[in-house]
N, C-alpha and C. Protein backbone atom coordinates (compact mmCIF):
# COMPACT_ATOMS: atom_id res chain seq x y z
N MET A 1 127.80 141.27 -93.04
CA MET A 1 126.95 140.48 -92.19
C MET A 1 126.28 139.42 -93.04
N SER A 2 126.29 138.18 -92.61
CA SER A 2 125.72 137.11 -93.41
C SER A 2 124.21 137.12 -93.27
N SER A 3 123.54 136.61 -94.32
CA SER A 3 122.08 136.60 -94.28
C SER A 3 121.61 135.50 -93.35
N PRO A 4 120.45 135.72 -92.70
CA PRO A 4 119.96 134.71 -91.77
C PRO A 4 119.57 133.44 -92.52
N ARG A 5 119.75 132.32 -91.90
CA ARG A 5 119.42 131.04 -92.50
C ARG A 5 118.18 130.48 -91.82
N SER A 6 117.30 129.90 -92.62
CA SER A 6 116.15 129.25 -92.02
C SER A 6 116.52 127.80 -91.79
N ALA A 7 115.95 127.22 -90.78
CA ALA A 7 116.24 125.83 -90.44
C ALA A 7 115.31 124.94 -91.27
N VAL A 8 115.82 124.42 -92.37
CA VAL A 8 115.03 123.52 -93.23
C VAL A 8 115.56 122.12 -93.01
N PRO A 9 114.69 121.19 -92.61
CA PRO A 9 115.19 119.83 -92.37
C PRO A 9 115.64 119.17 -93.66
N THR A 10 116.72 118.42 -93.58
CA THR A 10 117.18 117.64 -94.73
C THR A 10 116.60 116.25 -94.62
N ALA A 11 116.71 115.49 -95.71
CA ALA A 11 116.17 114.13 -95.71
C ALA A 11 116.81 113.29 -94.62
N ALA A 12 118.08 113.53 -94.34
CA ALA A 12 118.77 112.72 -93.33
C ALA A 12 118.30 113.06 -91.93
N SER A 13 117.76 114.27 -91.73
CA SER A 13 117.39 114.65 -90.37
C SER A 13 115.93 114.36 -90.04
N VAL A 14 115.13 114.00 -91.06
CA VAL A 14 113.72 113.71 -90.81
C VAL A 14 113.59 112.22 -90.59
N PRO A 15 113.06 111.80 -89.44
CA PRO A 15 112.95 110.37 -89.19
C PRO A 15 111.94 109.72 -90.13
N SER A 16 112.27 108.52 -90.61
CA SER A 16 111.33 107.79 -91.46
C SER A 16 110.24 107.21 -90.56
N PRO A 17 109.09 106.92 -91.15
CA PRO A 17 107.99 106.38 -90.33
C PRO A 17 108.37 105.10 -89.62
N SER A 18 109.29 104.33 -90.17
CA SER A 18 109.64 103.06 -89.54
C SER A 18 110.74 103.22 -88.50
N ALA A 19 111.34 104.39 -88.41
CA ALA A 19 112.43 104.57 -87.46
C ALA A 19 111.88 104.57 -86.05
N ALA A 20 112.60 103.97 -85.16
CA ALA A 20 112.18 103.93 -83.76
C ALA A 20 112.41 105.30 -83.14
N VAL A 21 111.38 105.83 -82.52
CA VAL A 21 111.49 107.12 -81.86
C VAL A 21 111.43 106.87 -80.36
N PRO A 22 112.50 107.21 -79.65
CA PRO A 22 112.47 106.95 -78.21
C PRO A 22 111.41 107.83 -77.55
N SER A 23 110.76 107.27 -76.53
CA SER A 23 109.78 108.07 -75.81
C SER A 23 110.51 108.88 -74.73
N VAL A 24 110.12 110.09 -74.64
CA VAL A 24 110.74 110.98 -73.67
C VAL A 24 109.63 111.58 -72.82
N ALA A 25 109.77 111.48 -71.54
CA ALA A 25 108.77 112.08 -70.65
C ALA A 25 109.05 113.58 -70.56
N VAL A 26 108.05 114.36 -70.84
CA VAL A 26 108.20 115.81 -70.77
C VAL A 26 107.49 116.30 -69.51
N HIS A 27 108.25 116.93 -68.64
CA HIS A 27 107.68 117.46 -67.41
C HIS A 27 107.58 118.97 -67.55
N SER A 28 106.42 119.48 -67.26
CA SER A 28 106.22 120.92 -67.34
C SER A 28 106.41 121.52 -65.96
N THR A 29 107.36 122.42 -65.87
CA THR A 29 107.55 123.11 -64.59
C THR A 29 107.00 124.52 -64.74
N PRO A 30 106.23 124.96 -63.76
CA PRO A 30 105.67 126.29 -63.88
C PRO A 30 106.76 127.35 -63.88
N ALA A 31 106.51 128.39 -64.65
CA ALA A 31 107.47 129.50 -64.69
C ALA A 31 107.51 130.15 -63.32
N PRO A 32 108.71 130.49 -62.85
CA PRO A 32 108.78 131.11 -61.54
C PRO A 32 108.06 132.46 -61.55
N SER A 33 107.37 132.75 -60.45
CA SER A 33 106.69 134.04 -60.40
C SER A 33 107.73 135.13 -60.21
N PRO A 34 107.46 136.31 -60.78
CA PRO A 34 108.45 137.37 -60.65
C PRO A 34 108.61 137.78 -59.19
N ALA A 35 109.82 138.13 -58.84
CA ALA A 35 110.07 138.56 -57.47
C ALA A 35 109.38 139.90 -57.23
N ALA A 36 108.91 140.08 -56.02
CA ALA A 36 108.26 141.34 -55.66
C ALA A 36 109.28 142.46 -55.81
N PRO A 37 108.89 143.57 -56.42
CA PRO A 37 109.83 144.67 -56.58
C PRO A 37 110.15 145.34 -55.24
N THR A 38 111.34 145.84 -55.12
CA THR A 38 111.74 146.56 -53.92
C THR A 38 111.35 148.03 -54.08
N VAL A 39 111.45 148.77 -52.99
CA VAL A 39 111.19 150.20 -53.04
C VAL A 39 112.14 150.87 -54.03
N ALA A 40 113.42 150.45 -54.03
CA ALA A 40 114.40 151.03 -54.95
C ALA A 40 114.02 150.75 -56.40
N GLU A 41 113.51 149.55 -56.68
CA GLU A 41 113.10 149.22 -58.05
C GLU A 41 111.87 150.02 -58.48
N LEU A 42 110.95 150.25 -57.56
CA LEU A 42 109.79 151.08 -57.88
C LEU A 42 110.23 152.51 -58.17
N LEU A 43 111.17 153.02 -57.38
CA LEU A 43 111.66 154.38 -57.61
C LEU A 43 112.38 154.47 -58.95
N ASP A 44 113.18 153.46 -59.28
CA ASP A 44 113.86 153.45 -60.57
C ASP A 44 112.84 153.43 -61.71
N PHE A 45 111.78 152.64 -61.57
CA PHE A 45 110.74 152.57 -62.60
C PHE A 45 110.06 153.92 -62.80
N VAL A 46 109.65 154.58 -61.72
CA VAL A 46 108.94 155.86 -61.90
C VAL A 46 109.86 156.92 -62.48
N ARG A 47 111.14 156.88 -62.12
CA ARG A 47 112.09 157.86 -62.69
C ARG A 47 112.27 157.63 -64.19
N ARG A 48 112.45 156.37 -64.59
CA ARG A 48 112.61 156.06 -66.02
C ARG A 48 111.36 156.44 -66.80
N THR A 49 110.20 156.10 -66.25
CA THR A 49 108.93 156.38 -66.93
C THR A 49 108.72 157.88 -67.06
N ALA A 50 109.10 158.64 -66.06
CA ALA A 50 108.92 160.10 -66.09
C ALA A 50 109.76 160.76 -67.18
N ARG A 51 110.80 160.06 -67.66
CA ARG A 51 111.64 160.61 -68.75
C ARG A 51 111.09 160.26 -70.14
N ASP A 52 110.00 159.50 -70.20
CA ASP A 52 109.40 159.11 -71.48
C ASP A 52 108.52 160.26 -71.96
N GLU A 53 109.09 161.14 -72.77
CA GLU A 53 108.39 162.36 -73.18
C GLU A 53 107.10 162.08 -73.95
N ALA A 54 107.10 161.04 -74.78
CA ALA A 54 105.90 160.72 -75.55
C ALA A 54 104.77 160.27 -74.62
N LEU A 55 105.10 159.47 -73.63
CA LEU A 55 104.08 159.02 -72.68
C LEU A 55 103.53 160.20 -71.88
N ILE A 56 104.42 161.04 -71.39
CA ILE A 56 103.98 162.19 -70.59
C ILE A 56 103.06 163.08 -71.43
N ALA A 57 103.42 163.30 -72.69
CA ALA A 57 102.61 164.15 -73.58
C ALA A 57 101.27 163.51 -73.92
N SER A 58 101.13 162.19 -73.76
CA SER A 58 99.88 161.51 -74.12
C SER A 58 98.79 161.66 -73.06
N LEU A 59 99.14 162.13 -71.88
CA LEU A 59 98.16 162.26 -70.80
C LEU A 59 97.23 163.44 -71.07
N PRO A 60 95.92 163.20 -71.18
CA PRO A 60 95.02 164.34 -71.35
C PRO A 60 94.95 165.13 -70.05
N LEU A 61 95.02 166.44 -70.15
CA LEU A 61 94.98 167.29 -68.96
C LEU A 61 93.63 168.00 -68.89
N ASP A 62 93.05 168.02 -67.72
CA ASP A 62 91.75 168.64 -67.49
C ASP A 62 91.95 169.81 -66.54
N PRO A 63 91.45 171.00 -66.86
CA PRO A 63 91.65 172.14 -65.97
C PRO A 63 90.88 172.03 -64.65
N GLU A 64 89.92 171.11 -64.58
CA GLU A 64 89.06 171.02 -63.39
C GLU A 64 89.47 169.92 -62.42
N GLY A 65 90.01 168.82 -62.89
CA GLY A 65 90.28 167.70 -61.99
C GLY A 65 91.46 166.87 -62.46
N ARG A 66 91.93 166.01 -61.57
CA ARG A 66 93.05 165.16 -61.91
C ARG A 66 92.66 164.15 -62.99
N THR A 67 93.62 163.79 -63.83
CA THR A 67 93.43 162.77 -64.85
C THR A 67 94.51 161.72 -64.65
N TRP A 68 94.29 160.52 -65.19
CA TRP A 68 95.26 159.46 -64.99
C TRP A 68 95.16 158.40 -66.06
N ILE A 69 96.27 157.69 -66.21
CA ILE A 69 96.37 156.52 -67.09
C ILE A 69 97.02 155.42 -66.28
N ARG A 70 96.45 154.22 -66.32
CA ARG A 70 97.02 153.06 -65.64
C ARG A 70 98.19 152.54 -66.47
N LEU A 71 99.30 152.23 -65.81
CA LEU A 71 100.51 151.72 -66.47
C LEU A 71 100.84 150.33 -65.96
N ASP A 72 101.68 149.61 -66.68
CA ASP A 72 102.18 148.32 -66.23
C ASP A 72 103.45 148.56 -65.43
N GLY A 73 103.39 148.30 -64.14
CA GLY A 73 104.56 148.48 -63.29
C GLY A 73 105.40 147.22 -63.23
N PRO A 74 106.60 147.30 -62.67
CA PRO A 74 107.49 146.14 -62.60
C PRO A 74 107.00 145.10 -61.59
N GLY A 75 107.21 143.84 -61.92
CA GLY A 75 106.94 142.75 -60.98
C GLY A 75 105.52 142.69 -60.47
N GLY A 76 104.55 143.06 -61.31
CA GLY A 76 103.16 142.99 -60.89
C GLY A 76 102.71 144.18 -60.06
N SER A 77 103.48 145.23 -60.04
CA SER A 77 103.09 146.42 -59.26
C SER A 77 102.02 147.21 -60.01
N GLU A 78 101.34 148.06 -59.29
CA GLU A 78 100.33 148.95 -59.85
C GLU A 78 100.99 150.29 -60.11
N ALA A 79 100.79 150.86 -61.29
CA ALA A 79 101.45 152.12 -61.62
C ALA A 79 100.46 153.06 -62.31
N TRP A 80 100.69 154.36 -62.14
CA TRP A 80 99.79 155.38 -62.67
C TRP A 80 100.57 156.58 -63.16
N LEU A 81 100.09 157.17 -64.26
CA LEU A 81 100.54 158.48 -64.72
C LEU A 81 99.40 159.43 -64.36
N ILE A 82 99.69 160.50 -63.59
CA ILE A 82 98.64 161.36 -63.05
C ILE A 82 98.90 162.81 -63.42
N GLY A 83 97.85 163.49 -63.88
CA GLY A 83 97.90 164.91 -64.16
C GLY A 83 97.22 165.69 -63.04
N TRP A 84 97.84 166.78 -62.62
CA TRP A 84 97.37 167.59 -61.50
C TRP A 84 97.11 169.02 -61.97
N PRO A 85 95.86 169.44 -62.08
CA PRO A 85 95.62 170.85 -62.41
C PRO A 85 96.11 171.74 -61.27
N PRO A 86 96.33 173.02 -61.56
CA PRO A 86 96.74 173.95 -60.50
C PRO A 86 95.75 173.92 -59.33
N GLY A 87 96.32 173.91 -58.13
CA GLY A 87 95.49 173.98 -56.92
C GLY A 87 94.84 172.69 -56.49
N THR A 88 95.19 171.54 -57.07
CA THR A 88 94.57 170.28 -56.68
C THR A 88 95.48 169.48 -55.75
N GLY A 89 94.89 168.52 -55.05
CA GLY A 89 95.66 167.67 -54.15
C GLY A 89 94.88 166.43 -53.78
N THR A 90 95.53 165.58 -53.02
CA THR A 90 94.94 164.29 -52.67
C THR A 90 94.19 164.30 -51.35
N GLY A 91 94.52 165.22 -50.45
CA GLY A 91 94.07 165.08 -49.07
C GLY A 91 94.95 164.05 -48.37
N TRP A 92 94.85 164.00 -47.06
CA TRP A 92 95.67 163.06 -46.28
C TRP A 92 95.19 161.63 -46.52
N HIS A 93 96.13 160.72 -46.76
CA HIS A 93 95.80 159.32 -47.01
C HIS A 93 97.04 158.45 -46.79
N ASP A 94 96.83 157.14 -46.76
CA ASP A 94 97.95 156.20 -46.82
C ASP A 94 97.60 155.11 -47.83
N HIS A 95 98.55 154.20 -48.06
CA HIS A 95 98.36 153.12 -49.03
C HIS A 95 98.38 151.77 -48.35
N ALA A 96 97.98 151.76 -47.08
CA ALA A 96 97.87 150.53 -46.30
C ALA A 96 99.18 149.74 -46.34
N ASP A 97 99.12 148.48 -46.79
CA ASP A 97 100.28 147.60 -46.72
C ASP A 97 101.18 147.66 -47.95
N SER A 98 100.95 148.61 -48.84
CA SER A 98 101.76 148.71 -50.05
C SER A 98 102.95 149.64 -49.84
N ILE A 99 104.07 149.29 -50.46
CA ILE A 99 105.20 150.20 -50.57
C ILE A 99 105.01 150.99 -51.85
N GLY A 100 105.71 152.09 -52.02
CA GLY A 100 105.50 152.86 -53.23
C GLY A 100 106.59 153.86 -53.53
N ALA A 101 106.43 154.51 -54.67
CA ALA A 101 107.36 155.56 -55.10
C ALA A 101 106.63 156.45 -56.08
N PHE A 102 107.02 157.71 -56.14
CA PHE A 102 106.50 158.60 -57.17
C PHE A 102 107.54 159.64 -57.53
N THR A 103 107.44 160.13 -58.76
CA THR A 103 108.36 161.14 -59.29
C THR A 103 107.56 162.16 -60.08
N THR A 104 107.94 163.41 -59.96
CA THR A 104 107.32 164.47 -60.73
C THR A 104 107.93 164.47 -62.13
N ALA A 105 107.07 164.38 -63.15
CA ALA A 105 107.53 164.36 -64.54
C ALA A 105 107.47 165.74 -65.17
N ALA A 106 106.58 166.60 -64.66
CA ALA A 106 106.46 167.98 -65.16
C ALA A 106 105.87 168.83 -64.05
N GLY A 107 106.28 170.09 -64.00
CA GLY A 107 105.77 170.97 -62.96
C GLY A 107 106.42 170.68 -61.62
N ALA A 108 105.67 170.92 -60.55
CA ALA A 108 106.18 170.69 -59.20
C ALA A 108 105.04 170.24 -58.30
N LEU A 109 105.36 169.36 -57.38
CA LEU A 109 104.40 168.89 -56.38
C LEU A 109 104.97 169.13 -54.99
N LYS A 110 104.09 169.31 -54.02
CA LYS A 110 104.49 169.43 -52.62
C LYS A 110 103.94 168.21 -51.89
N GLU A 111 104.79 167.57 -51.09
CA GLU A 111 104.33 166.45 -50.27
C GLU A 111 104.45 166.84 -48.81
N HIS A 112 103.35 166.70 -48.07
CA HIS A 112 103.35 166.80 -46.62
C HIS A 112 103.20 165.37 -46.12
N SER A 113 104.02 164.96 -45.18
CA SER A 113 103.93 163.59 -44.66
C SER A 113 104.10 163.59 -43.16
N LEU A 114 103.78 162.45 -42.56
CA LEU A 114 103.90 162.28 -41.12
C LEU A 114 104.95 161.21 -40.83
N ALA A 115 105.90 161.54 -40.00
CA ALA A 115 106.93 160.58 -39.60
C ALA A 115 106.42 159.80 -38.39
N VAL A 116 105.38 159.03 -38.63
CA VAL A 116 104.76 158.24 -37.57
C VAL A 116 104.10 157.03 -38.22
N ARG A 117 104.16 155.92 -37.54
CA ARG A 117 103.46 154.72 -38.03
C ARG A 117 102.11 154.64 -37.34
N LEU A 118 101.05 154.66 -38.13
CA LEU A 118 99.71 154.64 -37.57
C LEU A 118 99.30 153.21 -37.24
N PRO A 119 98.42 153.06 -36.26
CA PRO A 119 97.84 151.72 -36.03
C PRO A 119 97.12 151.28 -37.30
N THR A 120 97.12 149.99 -37.57
CA THR A 120 96.49 149.53 -38.80
C THR A 120 94.97 149.58 -38.73
N ASP A 121 94.39 149.26 -37.61
CA ASP A 121 92.93 149.24 -37.48
C ASP A 121 92.52 149.57 -36.05
N GLY A 122 91.21 149.78 -35.88
CA GLY A 122 90.67 149.92 -34.54
C GLY A 122 90.77 151.31 -33.94
N TRP A 123 90.88 152.35 -34.76
CA TRP A 123 90.93 153.71 -34.23
C TRP A 123 90.19 154.66 -35.16
N LYS A 124 89.72 155.75 -34.62
CA LYS A 124 89.05 156.78 -35.42
C LYS A 124 89.77 158.11 -35.35
N THR A 125 90.33 158.44 -34.19
CA THR A 125 91.09 159.68 -34.06
C THR A 125 92.41 159.39 -33.38
N LEU A 126 93.40 160.20 -33.72
CA LEU A 126 94.73 160.02 -33.17
C LEU A 126 95.34 161.40 -32.95
N GLU A 127 95.88 161.63 -31.77
CA GLU A 127 96.55 162.90 -31.50
C GLU A 127 98.02 162.75 -31.83
N LEU A 128 98.50 163.58 -32.74
CA LEU A 128 99.88 163.52 -33.20
C LEU A 128 100.79 164.29 -32.25
N THR A 129 101.98 163.79 -32.07
CA THR A 129 102.95 164.49 -31.23
C THR A 129 103.68 165.54 -32.05
N GLU A 130 104.34 166.44 -31.37
CA GLU A 130 105.12 167.47 -32.06
C GLU A 130 106.28 166.84 -32.81
N GLY A 131 106.66 167.47 -33.92
CA GLY A 131 107.84 167.05 -34.65
C GLY A 131 107.64 165.94 -35.65
N VAL A 132 106.39 165.52 -35.91
CA VAL A 132 106.17 164.42 -36.86
C VAL A 132 105.92 164.91 -38.28
N ASP A 133 105.70 166.22 -38.44
CA ASP A 133 105.40 166.75 -39.77
C ASP A 133 106.65 166.90 -40.62
N ARG A 134 106.54 166.47 -41.87
CA ARG A 134 107.61 166.62 -42.86
C ARG A 134 107.01 167.27 -44.10
N SER A 135 107.81 168.03 -44.83
CA SER A 135 107.34 168.67 -46.04
C SER A 135 108.49 168.71 -47.04
N ARG A 136 108.17 168.46 -48.30
CA ARG A 136 109.20 168.52 -49.34
C ARG A 136 108.60 168.95 -50.66
N GLU A 137 109.38 169.72 -51.39
CA GLU A 137 109.01 170.17 -52.73
C GLU A 137 109.65 169.21 -53.72
N LEU A 138 108.85 168.68 -54.65
CA LEU A 138 109.36 167.74 -55.65
C LEU A 138 109.17 168.37 -57.03
N THR A 139 110.25 168.96 -57.53
CA THR A 139 110.19 169.58 -58.85
C THR A 139 110.45 168.51 -59.91
N THR A 140 110.39 168.89 -61.17
CA THR A 140 110.56 167.94 -62.26
C THR A 140 111.81 167.08 -62.06
N SER A 141 111.64 165.77 -62.20
CA SER A 141 112.67 164.73 -62.06
C SER A 141 112.98 164.38 -60.61
N GLN A 142 112.32 164.99 -59.65
CA GLN A 142 112.55 164.63 -58.25
C GLN A 142 111.44 163.69 -57.79
N GLY A 143 111.82 162.73 -56.98
CA GLY A 143 110.84 161.77 -56.49
C GLY A 143 111.20 161.27 -55.12
N ARG A 144 110.41 160.32 -54.66
CA ARG A 144 110.68 159.71 -53.38
C ARG A 144 110.01 158.34 -53.30
N ALA A 145 110.55 157.52 -52.44
CA ALA A 145 110.00 156.20 -52.19
C ALA A 145 109.53 156.15 -50.75
N PHE A 146 108.62 155.22 -50.45
CA PHE A 146 108.12 155.11 -49.08
C PHE A 146 107.71 153.68 -48.78
N GLY A 147 107.66 153.38 -47.48
CA GLY A 147 107.28 152.06 -47.01
C GLY A 147 105.79 151.97 -46.72
N GLN A 148 105.41 150.89 -46.10
CA GLN A 148 104.02 150.64 -45.77
C GLN A 148 103.49 151.69 -44.79
N ASN A 149 102.18 151.94 -44.87
CA ASN A 149 101.48 152.84 -43.95
C ASN A 149 102.05 154.25 -43.95
N HIS A 150 102.54 154.70 -45.08
CA HIS A 150 103.08 156.06 -45.21
C HIS A 150 101.91 157.03 -45.36
N VAL A 151 101.77 157.94 -44.41
CA VAL A 151 100.66 158.90 -44.43
C VAL A 151 101.16 160.20 -45.03
N HIS A 152 100.45 160.67 -46.09
CA HIS A 152 100.87 161.91 -46.73
C HIS A 152 99.72 162.55 -47.48
N GLU A 153 99.96 163.77 -47.93
CA GLU A 153 99.11 164.42 -48.91
C GLU A 153 100.02 165.02 -49.96
N VAL A 154 99.55 165.03 -51.20
CA VAL A 154 100.34 165.54 -52.31
C VAL A 154 99.53 166.65 -52.97
N LEU A 155 100.19 167.79 -53.25
CA LEU A 155 99.50 168.97 -53.75
C LEU A 155 100.24 169.59 -54.93
N ASN A 156 99.47 170.15 -55.86
CA ASN A 156 100.03 171.04 -56.87
C ASN A 156 99.66 172.45 -56.41
N GLU A 157 100.61 173.15 -55.81
CA GLU A 157 100.33 174.47 -55.25
C GLU A 157 100.43 175.60 -56.28
N SER A 158 100.79 175.27 -57.51
CA SER A 158 100.87 176.30 -58.55
C SER A 158 99.50 176.90 -58.82
N GLU A 159 99.49 178.17 -59.18
CA GLU A 159 98.23 178.82 -59.53
C GLU A 159 97.91 178.69 -61.02
N ASP A 160 98.91 178.29 -61.83
CA ASP A 160 98.65 178.28 -63.28
C ASP A 160 99.35 177.19 -64.08
N VAL A 161 100.06 176.28 -63.44
CA VAL A 161 100.80 175.25 -64.18
C VAL A 161 100.37 173.86 -63.74
N HIS A 162 100.03 173.03 -64.72
CA HIS A 162 99.75 171.62 -64.44
C HIS A 162 101.03 170.92 -63.95
N ALA A 163 100.87 169.91 -63.13
CA ALA A 163 101.97 169.01 -62.78
C ALA A 163 101.58 167.61 -63.28
N ILE A 164 102.59 166.81 -63.58
CA ILE A 164 102.38 165.42 -63.99
C ILE A 164 103.34 164.57 -63.19
N SER A 165 102.86 163.42 -62.73
CA SER A 165 103.71 162.54 -61.93
C SER A 165 103.47 161.09 -62.29
N VAL A 166 104.43 160.23 -61.94
CA VAL A 166 104.34 158.79 -62.15
C VAL A 166 104.43 158.13 -60.78
N HIS A 167 103.52 157.17 -60.51
CA HIS A 167 103.43 156.49 -59.21
C HIS A 167 103.45 154.98 -59.42
N ALA A 168 104.02 154.25 -58.46
CA ALA A 168 103.99 152.79 -58.49
C ALA A 168 103.85 152.25 -57.08
N TYR A 169 103.07 151.18 -56.93
CA TYR A 169 102.79 150.59 -55.62
C TYR A 169 102.86 149.07 -55.71
N TYR A 170 103.39 148.46 -54.66
CA TYR A 170 103.38 146.99 -54.58
C TYR A 170 103.17 146.58 -53.12
N PRO A 171 102.30 145.61 -52.87
CA PRO A 171 101.42 144.99 -53.85
C PRO A 171 100.39 146.00 -54.38
N PRO A 172 99.71 145.66 -55.49
CA PRO A 172 98.69 146.58 -55.99
C PRO A 172 97.77 146.98 -54.84
N LEU A 173 97.40 148.24 -54.82
CA LEU A 173 96.72 148.83 -53.66
C LEU A 173 95.51 148.01 -53.19
N PRO A 174 95.59 147.44 -51.97
CA PRO A 174 94.44 146.71 -51.45
C PRO A 174 93.38 147.65 -50.89
N ARG A 175 93.83 148.83 -50.45
CA ARG A 175 92.92 149.83 -49.90
C ARG A 175 93.67 151.13 -49.72
N ILE A 176 92.92 152.20 -49.60
CA ILE A 176 93.48 153.51 -49.25
C ILE A 176 92.65 154.02 -48.08
N ARG A 177 93.33 154.45 -47.03
CA ARG A 177 92.62 155.08 -45.91
C ARG A 177 92.73 156.59 -46.07
N ARG A 178 91.61 157.29 -45.95
CA ARG A 178 91.58 158.75 -46.09
C ARG A 178 91.34 159.37 -44.73
N PHE A 179 92.08 160.48 -44.48
CA PHE A 179 92.05 161.13 -43.18
C PHE A 179 91.72 162.61 -43.32
N SER A 180 91.21 163.18 -42.26
CA SER A 180 91.12 164.64 -42.15
C SER A 180 92.04 165.03 -41.01
N ARG A 181 92.44 166.30 -41.03
CA ARG A 181 93.36 166.75 -39.98
C ARG A 181 92.95 168.13 -39.50
N THR A 182 92.86 168.25 -38.19
CA THR A 182 92.61 169.54 -37.55
C THR A 182 93.68 169.71 -36.48
N GLY A 183 94.63 170.60 -36.74
CA GLY A 183 95.75 170.77 -35.80
C GLY A 183 96.50 169.47 -35.63
N ALA A 184 96.60 168.99 -34.39
CA ALA A 184 97.33 167.76 -34.12
C ALA A 184 96.46 166.52 -34.18
N VAL A 185 95.18 166.68 -34.50
CA VAL A 185 94.26 165.54 -34.48
C VAL A 185 94.04 165.02 -35.90
N LEU A 186 94.37 163.75 -36.09
CA LEU A 186 94.15 163.06 -37.36
C LEU A 186 92.95 162.15 -37.19
N ARG A 187 91.99 162.25 -38.09
CA ARG A 187 90.76 161.45 -37.99
C ARG A 187 90.62 160.57 -39.22
N LEU A 188 90.37 159.29 -39.01
CA LEU A 188 90.09 158.37 -40.11
C LEU A 188 88.69 158.65 -40.62
N GLU A 189 88.57 159.03 -41.89
CA GLU A 189 87.27 159.38 -42.46
C GLU A 189 86.64 158.24 -43.24
N GLN A 190 87.45 157.53 -44.03
CA GLN A 190 86.91 156.42 -44.81
C GLN A 190 88.02 155.53 -45.31
N THR A 191 87.65 154.30 -45.65
CA THR A 191 88.57 153.35 -46.26
C THR A 191 88.02 152.99 -47.63
N GLU A 192 88.85 153.16 -48.66
CA GLU A 192 88.44 152.86 -50.03
C GLU A 192 89.10 151.58 -50.51
N SER A 193 88.40 150.84 -51.34
CA SER A 193 88.96 149.65 -51.98
C SER A 193 89.14 149.94 -53.47
N PRO A 194 89.85 149.08 -54.20
CA PRO A 194 90.17 149.37 -55.61
C PRO A 194 88.95 149.72 -56.48
N GLU A 195 87.81 149.09 -56.25
CA GLU A 195 86.66 149.40 -57.09
C GLU A 195 86.16 150.83 -56.91
N ASP A 196 86.59 151.50 -55.84
CA ASP A 196 86.19 152.89 -55.62
C ASP A 196 86.96 153.87 -56.49
N TRP A 197 88.13 153.50 -57.01
CA TRP A 197 88.90 154.47 -57.80
C TRP A 197 89.30 153.96 -59.18
N GLN A 198 88.98 152.74 -59.54
CA GLN A 198 89.38 152.25 -60.86
C GLN A 198 88.23 152.25 -61.82
């Protein structure tokens, strides 16, 4: 392999002070903004990140509550590495107008979700119809992607093992709506903005 060469100007290539230098108009074009990531790209990102053993090991785990580290997601997305102590969960919520994906990096998580699109605003309680409940177990390396207004809760049902997961959302979360549920009745309890959780 040849050694790298540095570009050193020779006397012939350096213009003399008396040489005429043509004027050239330089137009600056702004760099194109990155394309918004798709749901598939977010899922690919969380899967790849979940395989980063050094990153996963760097997350401090707390026996009492969830812990997290903010990550740089693709295309301006918001991403998080989250630790789940045994018996913890999110409660019912959605991510408003953001799409998202998450993958379990260690342990196992359970996701309960609703196969229903909720009204965006103007309601406090909603009676759910039969057959809208979905449930899935996400063990290490398993994940899922979802569209806007996806209502779910995520739980670590283990009695003694931490779970760790990677999440990504686009656009960065503008708000999270939190719900309570009693039987078939879903109630909007509060709406959080980014300053409430960052």
